[in-house]
Amino acid sequence: MLDTLKESPEHVGGWFARARRFLIEVRAELGRVTWPTRREVWATTIVVIIISIFIGLYLYAWDIVLSWLVARIYDAFGR
């Protein structure tokens, strides 16, 4: 098993050749990526910020309501 592993093409080139090949493939793949425009990035960033604010306010409102409810239950049944 080890003899066949030592003679494999990946092992012959060593780690440097594999690393070089990997980086070449990464660079080629990044060239195929469709990058968003600056306007698209700004638009999606604004959407994320607005949705985060709304979700934060929604959770804050539920926290206030549930805190009030738990306080009333403690008051009704004694602490």
PDB file of N, CA and C in Angstrom:
ATOM      1  N   MET A   1       0.826  -1.202   0.000  1.00  0.00           N
ATOM      2  CA  MET A   1       0.000   0.000   0.000  1.00  0.00           C
ATOM      3  C   MET A   1       0.866   1.261   0.000  1.00  0.00           C
ATOM      4  N   LEU A   2       1.890   1.294   0.834  1.00  0.00           N
ATOM      5  CA  LEU A   2       2.742   2.474   0.887  1.00  0.00           C
ATOM      6  C   LEU A   2       3.546   2.648  -0.391  1.00  0.00           C
ATOM      7  N   ASP A   3       3.921   1.547  -1.049  1.00  0.00           N
ATOM      8  CA  ASP A   3       4.684   1.656  -2.293  1.00  0.00           C
ATOM      9  C   ASP A   3       3.864   2.347  -3.378  1.00  0.00           C
ATOM     10  N   THR A   4       2.580   2.008  -3.490  1.00  0.00           N
ATOM     11  CA  THR A   4       1.744   2.647  -4.510  1.00  0.00           C
ATOM     12  C   THR A   4       1.479   4.101  -4.157  1.00  0.00           C
ATOM     13  N   LEU A   5       1.400   4.388  -2.870  1.00  0.00           N
ATOM     14  CA  LEU A   5       1.177   5.764  -2.443  1.00  0.00           C
ATOM     15  C   LEU A   5       2.377   6.639  -2.766  1.00  0.00           C
ATOM     16  N   LYS A   6       3.572   6.119  -2.596  1.00  0.00           N
ATOM     17  CA  LYS A   6       4.774   6.898  -2.860  1.00  0.00           C
ATOM     18  C   LYS A   6       4.933   7.214  -4.338  1.00  0.00           C
ATOM     19  N   GLU A   7       4.383   6.368  -5.207  1.00  0.00           N
ATOM     20  CA  GLU A   7       4.542   6.570  -6.630  1.00  0.00           C
ATOM     21  C   GLU A   7       3.376   7.329  -7.263  1.00  0.00           C
ATOM     22  N   SER A   8       2.401   7.755  -6.462  1.00  0.00           N
ATOM     23  CA  SER A   8       1.274   8.492  -7.015  1.00  0.00           C
ATOM     24  C   SER A   8       1.746   9.859  -7.495  1.00  0.00           C
ATOM     25  N   PRO A   9       1.095  10.415  -8.518  1.00  0.00           N
ATOM     26  CA  PRO A   9       1.528  11.709  -9.075  1.00  0.00           C
ATOM     27  C   PRO A   9       1.522  12.829  -8.048  1.00  0.00           C
ATOM     28  N   GLU A  10       0.580  12.807  -7.102  1.00  0.00           N
ATOM     29  CA  GLU A  10       0.533  13.888  -6.112  1.00  0.00           C
ATOM     30  C   GLU A  10       1.712  13.819  -5.155  1.00  0.00           C
ATOM     31  N   HIS A  11       2.162  12.614  -4.872  1.00  0.00           N
ATOM     32  CA  HIS A  11       3.254  12.454  -3.923  1.00  0.00           C
ATOM     33  C   HIS A  11       4.596  12.799  -4.583  1.00  0.00           C
ATOM     34  N   VAL A  12       4.723  12.520  -5.867  1.00  0.00           N
ATOM     35  CA  VAL A  12       5.979  12.767  -6.569  1.00  0.00           C
ATOM     36  C   VAL A  12       6.293  14.260  -6.575  1.00  0.00           C
ATOM     37  N   GLY A  13       5.269  15.110  -6.804  1.00  0.00           N
ATOM     38  CA  GLY A  13       5.488  16.554  -6.863  1.00  0.00           C
ATOM     39  C   GLY A  13       5.765  17.174  -5.516  1.00  0.00           C
ATOM     40  N   GLY A  14       5.376  16.519  -4.461  1.00  0.00           N
ATOM     41  CA  GLY A  14       5.586  17.067  -3.131  1.00  0.00           C
ATOM     42  C   GLY A  14       4.534  18.086  -2.751  1.00  0.00           C
ATOM     43  N   TRP A  15       4.652  18.546  -1.531  1.00  0.00           N
ATOM     44  CA  TRP A  15       3.637  19.461  -1.010  1.00  0.00           C
ATOM     45  C   TRP A  15       3.707  20.827  -1.708  1.00  0.00           C
ATOM     46  N   PHE A  16       4.892  21.236  -2.125  1.00  0.00           N
ATOM     47  CA  PHE A  16       5.019  22.529  -2.781  1.00  0.00           C
ATOM     48  C   PHE A  16       4.265  22.556  -4.107  1.00  0.00           C
ATOM     49  N   ALA A  17       4.395  21.479  -4.877  1.00  0.00           N
ATOM     50  CA  ALA A  17       3.705  21.412  -6.167  1.00  0.00           C
ATOM     51  C   ALA A  17       2.195  21.350  -5.966  1.00  0.00           C
ATOM     52  N   ARG A  18       1.746  20.617  -4.950  1.00  0.00           N
ATOM     53  CA  ARG A  18       0.306  20.542  -4.672  1.00  0.00           C
ATOM     54  C   ARG A  18      -0.226  21.896  -4.226  1.00  0.00           C
ATOM     55  N   ALA A  19       0.539  22.576  -3.383  1.00  0.00           N
ATOM     56  CA  ALA A  19       0.112  23.901  -2.911  1.00  0.00           C
ATOM     57  C   ALA A  19       0.049  24.885  -4.069  1.00  0.00           C
ATOM     58  N   ARG A  20       1.038  24.818  -4.966  1.00  0.00           N
ATOM     59  CA  ARG A  20       1.060  25.709  -6.129  1.00  0.00           C
ATOM     60  C   ARG A  20      -0.140  25.436  -7.031  1.00  0.00           C
ATOM     61  N   ARG A  21      -0.416  24.171  -7.264  1.00  0.00           N
ATOM     62  CA  ARG A  21      -1.558  23.803  -8.110  1.00  0.00           C
ATOM     63  C   ARG A  21      -2.868  24.275  -7.480  1.00  0.00           C
ATOM     64  N   PHE A  22      -2.975  24.103  -6.168  1.00  0.00           N
ATOM     65  CA  PHE A  22      -4.176  24.551  -5.463  1.00  0.00           C
ATOM     66  C   PHE A  22      -4.376  26.053  -5.643  1.00  0.00           C
ATOM     67  N   LEU A  23      -3.314  26.828  -5.450  1.00  0.00           N
ATOM     68  CA  LEU A  23      -3.434  28.286  -5.574  1.00  0.00           C
ATOM     69  C   LEU A  23      -3.771  28.703  -7.001  1.00  0.00           C
ATOM     70  N   ILE A  24      -3.238  27.995  -7.988  1.00  0.00           N
ATOM     71  CA  ILE A  24      -3.581  28.294  -9.379  1.00  0.00           C
ATOM     72  C   ILE A  24      -5.058  28.031  -9.632  1.00  0.00           C
ATOM     73  N   GLU A  25      -5.561  26.924  -9.083  1.00  0.00           N
ATOM     74  CA  GLU A  25      -6.982  26.600  -9.263  1.00  0.00           C
ATOM     75  C   GLU A  25      -7.878  27.588  -8.527  1.00  0.00           C
ATOM     76  N   VAL A  26      -7.437  28.044  -7.355  1.00  0.00           N
ATOM     77  CA  VAL A  26      -8.208  29.046  -6.611  1.00  0.00           C
ATOM     78  C   VAL A  26      -8.286  30.345  -7.410  1.00  0.00           C
ATOM     79  N   ARG A  27      -7.174  30.748  -7.971  1.00  0.00           N
ATOM     80  CA  ARG A  27      -7.158  31.982  -8.761  1.00  0.00           C
ATOM     81  C   ARG A  27      -8.074  31.869  -9.982  1.00  0.00           C
ATOM     82  N   ALA A  28      -8.055  30.715 -10.639  1.00  0.00           N
ATOM     83  CA  ALA A  28      -8.919  30.504 -11.794  1.00  0.00           C
ATOM     84  C   ALA A  28     -10.390  30.528 -11.389  1.00  0.00           C
ATOM     85  N   GLU A  29     -10.693  29.917 -10.255  1.00  0.00           N
ATOM     86  CA  GLU A  29     -12.077  29.888  -9.786  1.00  0.00           C
ATOM     87  C   GLU A  29     -12.553  31.292  -9.409  1.00  0.00           C
ATOM     88  N   LEU A  30     -11.697  32.078  -8.786  1.00  0.00           N
ATOM     89  CA  LEU A  30     -12.069  33.452  -8.433  1.00  0.00           C
ATOM     90  C   LEU A  30     -12.316  34.296  -9.675  1.00  0.00           C
ATOM     91  N   GLY A  31     -11.681  33.949 -10.775  1.00  0.00           N
ATOM     92  CA  GLY A  31     -11.921  34.664 -12.026  1.00  0.00           C
ATOM     93  C   GLY A  31     -13.300  34.392 -12.597  1.00  0.00           C
ATOM     94  N   ARG A  32     -13.893  33.260 -12.228  1.00  0.00           N
ATOM     95  CA  ARG A  32     -15.223  32.904 -12.727  1.00  0.00           C
ATOM     96  C   ARG A  32     -16.353  33.446 -11.846  1.00  0.00           C
ATOM     97  N   VAL A  33     -16.005  34.006 -10.724  1.00  0.00           N
ATOM     98  CA  VAL A  33     -17.016  34.500  -9.793  1.00  0.00           C
ATOM     99  C   VAL A  33     -17.662  35.758 -10.355  1.00  0.00           C
ATOM    100  N   THR A  34     -18.980  35.858 -10.211  1.00  0.00           N
ATOM    101  CA  THR A  34     -19.688  37.070 -10.598  1.00  0.00           C
ATOM    102  C   THR A  34     -19.754  37.971  -9.363  1.00  0.00           C
ATOM    103  N   TRP A  35     -18.949  39.000  -9.353  1.00  0.00           N
ATOM    104  CA  TRP A  35     -18.866  39.881  -8.194  1.00  0.00           C
ATOM    105  C   TRP A  35     -19.994  40.913  -8.250  1.00  0.00           C
ATOM    106  N   PRO A  36     -20.591  41.238  -7.102  1.00  0.00           N
ATOM    107  CA  PRO A  36     -21.664  42.249  -7.093  1.00  0.00           C
ATOM    108  C   PRO A  36     -21.082  43.640  -7.311  1.00  0.00           C
ATOM    109  N   THR A  37     -21.942  44.502  -7.825  1.00  0.00           N
ATOM    110  CA  THR A  37     -21.521  45.892  -8.010  1.00  0.00           C
ATOM    111  C   THR A  37     -21.556  46.610  -6.665  1.00  0.00           C
ATOM    112  N   ARG A  38     -20.953  47.768  -6.615  1.00  0.00           N
ATOM    113  CA  ARG A  38     -20.944  48.562  -5.378  1.00  0.00           C
ATOM    114  C   ARG A  38     -22.376  48.911  -4.957  1.00  0.00           C
ATOM    115  N   ARG A  39     -23.218  49.205  -5.937  1.00  0.00           N
ATOM    116  CA  ARG A  39     -24.610  49.554  -5.648  1.00  0.00           C
ATOM    117  C   ARG A  39     -25.356  48.367  -5.041  1.00  0.00           C
ATOM    118  N   GLU A  40     -25.127  47.166  -5.570  1.00  0.00           N
ATOM    119  CA  GLU A  40     -25.772  45.967  -5.025  1.00  0.00           C
ATOM    120  C   GLU A  40     -25.318  45.695  -3.592  1.00  0.00           C
ATOM    121  N   VAL A  41     -24.034  45.907  -3.335  1.00  0.00           N
ATOM    122  CA  VAL A  41     -23.515  45.694  -1.979  1.00  0.00           C
ATOM    123  C   VAL A  41     -24.162  46.674  -1.009  1.00  0.00           C
ATOM    124  N   TRP A  42     -24.252  47.942  -1.397  1.00  0.00           N
ATOM    125  CA  TRP A  42     -24.887  48.940  -0.534  1.00  0.00           C
ATOM    126  C   TRP A  42     -26.356  48.596  -0.285  1.00  0.00           C
ATOM    127  N   ALA A  43     -27.061  48.194  -1.340  1.00  0.00           N
ATOM    128  CA  ALA A  43     -28.481  47.884  -1.202  1.00  0.00           C
ATOM    129  C   ALA A  43     -28.695  46.706  -0.262  1.00  0.00           C
ATOM    130  N   THR A  44     -27.930  45.640  -0.433  1.00  0.00           N
ATOM    131  CA  THR A  44     -28.113  44.479   0.445  1.00  0.00           C
ATOM    132  C   THR A  44     -27.662  44.784   1.872  1.00  0.00           C
ATOM    133  N   THR A  45     -26.649  45.627   2.024  1.00  0.00           N
ATOM    134  CA  THR A  45     -26.213  46.016   3.370  1.00  0.00           C
ATOM    135  C   THR A  45     -27.311  46.784   4.087  1.00  0.00           C
ATOM    136  N   ILE A  46     -27.948  47.714   3.404  1.00  0.00           N
ATOM    137  CA  ILE A  46     -29.038  48.496   3.997  1.00  0.00           C
ATOM    138  C   ILE A  46     -30.200  47.577   4.375  1.00  0.00           C
ATOM    139  N   VAL A  47     -30.525  46.619   3.498  1.00  0.00           N
ATOM    140  CA  VAL A  47     -31.605  45.680   3.797  1.00  0.00           C
ATOM    141  C   VAL A  47     -31.286  44.878   5.047  1.00  0.00           C
ATOM    142  N   VAL A  48     -30.058  44.401   5.176  1.00  0.00           N
ATOM    143  CA  VAL A  48     -29.662  43.618   6.349  1.00  0.00           C
ATOM    144  C   VAL A  48     -29.752  44.465   7.615  1.00  0.00           C
ATOM    145  N   ILE A  49     -29.309  45.702   7.554  1.00  0.00           N
ATOM    146  CA  ILE A  49     -29.365  46.583   8.728  1.00  0.00           C
ATOM    147  C   ILE A  49     -30.807  46.848   9.131  1.00  0.00           C
ATOM    148  N   ILE A  50     -31.668  47.154   8.171  1.00  0.00           N
ATOM    149  CA  ILE A  50     -33.078  47.442   8.480  1.00  0.00           C
ATOM    150  C   ILE A  50     -33.774  46.213   9.067  1.00  0.00           C
ATOM    151  N   ILE A  51     -33.559  45.054   8.465  1.00  0.00           N
ATOM    152  CA  ILE A  51     -34.189  43.837   8.980  1.00  0.00           C
ATOM    153  C   ILE A  51     -33.664  43.519  10.374  1.00  0.00           C
ATOM    154  N   SER A  52     -32.377  43.718  10.611  1.00  0.00           N
ATOM    155  CA  SER A  52     -31.805  43.477  11.941  1.00  0.00           C
ATOM    156  C   SER A  52     -32.437  44.389  12.985  1.00  0.00           C
ATOM    157  N   ILE A  53     -32.651  45.647  12.615  1.00  0.00           N
ATOM    158  CA  ILE A  53     -33.288  46.591  13.550  1.00  0.00           C
ATOM    159  C   ILE A  53     -34.720  46.150  13.856  1.00  0.00           C
ATOM    160  N   PHE A  54     -35.485  45.776  12.823  1.00  0.00           N
ATOM    161  CA  PHE A  54     -36.859  45.343  13.044  1.00  0.00           C
ATOM    162  C   PHE A  54     -36.923  44.075  13.899  1.00  0.00           C
ATOM    163  N   ILE A  55     -36.066  43.125  13.640  1.00  0.00           N
ATOM    164  CA  ILE A  55     -36.061  41.891  14.435  1.00  0.00           C
ATOM    165  C   ILE A  55     -35.651  42.199  15.873  1.00  0.00           C
ATOM    166  N   GLY A  56     -34.691  43.092  16.049  1.00  0.00           N
ATOM    167  CA  GLY A  56     -34.285  43.496  17.390  1.00  0.00           C
ATOM    168  C   GLY A  56     -35.420  44.156  18.154  1.00  0.00           C
ATOM    169  N   LEU A  57     -36.144  45.047  17.496  1.00  0.00           N
ATOM    170  CA  LEU A  57     -37.287  45.706  18.143  1.00  0.00           C
ATOM    171  C   LEU A  57     -38.402  44.707  18.452  1.00  0.00           C
ATOM    172  N   TYR A  58     -38.642  43.770  17.543  1.00  0.00           N
ATOM    173  CA  TYR A  58     -39.655  42.729  17.749  1.00  0.00           C
ATOM    174  C   TYR A  58     -39.310  41.879  18.977  1.00  0.00           C
ATOM    175  N   LEU A  59     -38.058  41.443  19.058  1.00  0.00           N
ATOM    176  CA  LEU A  59     -37.644  40.639  20.213  1.00  0.00           C
ATOM    177  C   LEU A  59     -37.671  41.451  21.507  1.00  0.00           C
ATOM    178  N   TYR A  60     -37.317  42.724  21.424  1.00  0.00           N
ATOM    179  CA  TYR A  60     -37.371  43.593  22.606  1.00  0.00           C
ATOM    180  C   TYR A  60     -38.811  43.734  23.096  1.00  0.00           C
ATOM    181  N   ALA A  61     -39.748  43.902  22.173  1.00  0.00           N
ATOM    182  CA  ALA A  61     -41.154  44.027  22.556  1.00  0.00           C
ATOM    183  C   ALA A  61     -41.636  42.742  23.233  1.00  0.00           C
ATOM    184  N   TRP A  62     -41.297  41.578  22.668  1.00  0.00           N
ATOM    185  CA  TRP A  62     -41.691  40.319  23.301  1.00  0.00           C
ATOM    186  C   TRP A  62     -41.033  40.160  24.665  1.00  0.00           C
ATOM    187  N   ASP A  63     -39.809  40.602  24.809  1.00  0.00           N
ATOM    188  CA  ASP A  63     -39.128  40.529  26.101  1.00  0.00           C
ATOM    189  C   ASP A  63     -39.857  41.376  27.140  1.00  0.00           C
ATOM    190  N   ILE A  64     -40.280  42.569  26.762  1.00  0.00           N
ATOM    191  CA  ILE A  64     -41.013  43.445  27.684  1.00  0.00           C
ATOM    192  C   ILE A  64     -42.339  42.789  28.075  1.00  0.00           C
ATOM    193  N   VAL A  65     -43.075  42.266  27.095  1.00  0.00           N
ATOM    194  CA  VAL A  65     -44.374  41.643  27.370  1.00  0.00           C
ATOM    195  C   VAL A  65     -44.212  40.427  28.280  1.00  0.00           C
ATOM    196  N   LEU A  66     -43.265  39.572  27.963  1.00  0.00           N
ATOM    197  CA  LEU A  66     -43.082  38.359  28.770  1.00  0.00           C
ATOM    198  C   LEU A  66     -42.549  38.677  30.160  1.00  0.00           C
ATOM    199  N   SER A  67     -41.704  39.701  30.269  1.00  0.00           N
ATOM    200  CA  SER A  67     -41.224  40.114  31.593  1.00  0.00           C
ATOM    201  C   SER A  67     -42.382  40.617  32.449  1.00  0.00           C
ATOM    202  N   TRP A  68     -43.240  41.400  31.837  1.00  0.00           N
ATOM    203  CA  TRP A  68     -44.412  41.911  32.558  1.00  0.00           C
ATOM    204  C   TRP A  68     -45.310  40.751  32.988  1.00  0.00           C
ATOM    205  N   LEU A  69     -45.537  39.791  32.091  1.00  0.00           N
ATOM    206  CA  LEU A  69     -46.377  38.643  32.387  1.00  0.00           C
ATOM    207  C   LEU A  69     -45.799  37.799  33.527  1.00  0.00           C
ATOM    208  N   VAL A  70     -44.515  37.550  33.502  1.00  0.00           N
ATOM    209  CA  VAL A  70     -43.867  36.764  34.564  1.00  0.00           C
ATOM    210  C   VAL A  70     -43.953  37.521  35.888  1.00  0.00           C
ATOM    211  N   ALA A  71     -43.774  38.825  35.868  1.00  0.00           N
ATOM    212  CA  ALA A  71     -43.876  39.619  37.096  1.00  0.00           C
ATOM    213  C   ALA A  71     -45.285  39.525  37.669  1.00  0.00           C
ATOM    214  N   ARG A  72     -46.324  39.577  36.816  1.00  0.00           N
ATOM    215  CA  ARG A  72     -47.703  39.449  37.299  1.00  0.00           C
ATOM    216  C   ARG A  72     -47.961  38.065  37.887  1.00  0.00           C
ATOM    217  N   ILE A  73     -47.403  37.025  37.265  1.00  0.00           N
ATOM    218  CA  ILE A  73     -47.578  35.662  37.796  1.00  0.00           C
ATOM    219  C   ILE A  73     -46.906  35.534  39.153  1.00  0.00           C
ATOM    220  N   TYR A  74     -45.687  36.092  39.304  1.00  0.00           N
ATOM    221  CA  TYR A  74     -45.023  36.055  40.603  1.00  0.00           C
ATOM    222  C   TYR A  74     -45.825  36.815  41.657  1.00  0.00           C
ATOM    223  N   ASP A  75     -46.373  37.951  41.286  1.00  0.00           N
ATOM    224  CA  ASP A  75     -47.168  38.733  42.226  1.00  0.00           C
ATOM    225  C   ASP A  75     -48.440  37.976  42.632  1.00  0.00           C
ATOM    226  N   ALA A  76     -49.040  37.268  41.668  1.00  0.00           N
ATOM    227  CA  ALA A  76     -50.300  36.554  41.954  1.00  0.00           C
ATOM    228  C   ALA A  76     -50.071  35.361  42.855  1.00  0.00           C
ATOM    229  N   PHE A  77     -48.983  34.643  42.685  1.00  0.00           N
ATOM    230  CA  PHE A  77     -48.732  33.433  43.462  1.00  0.00           C
ATOM    231  C   PHE A  77     -47.729  33.637  44.577  1.00  0.00           C
ATOM    232  N   GLY A  78     -47.255  34.813  44.743  1.00  0.00           N
ATOM    233  CA  GLY A  78     -46.291  35.098  45.799  1.00  0.00           C
ATOM    234  C   GLY A  78     -44.901  34.623  45.423  1.00  0.00           C
ATOM    235  N   ARG A  79     -43.944  35.281  46.024  1.00  0.00           N
ATOM    236  CA  ARG A  79     -42.557  34.928  45.691  1.00  0.00           C
ATOM    237  C   ARG A  79     -42.072  33.966  46.649  1.00  0.00           C
TER     238      ARG A  79
END
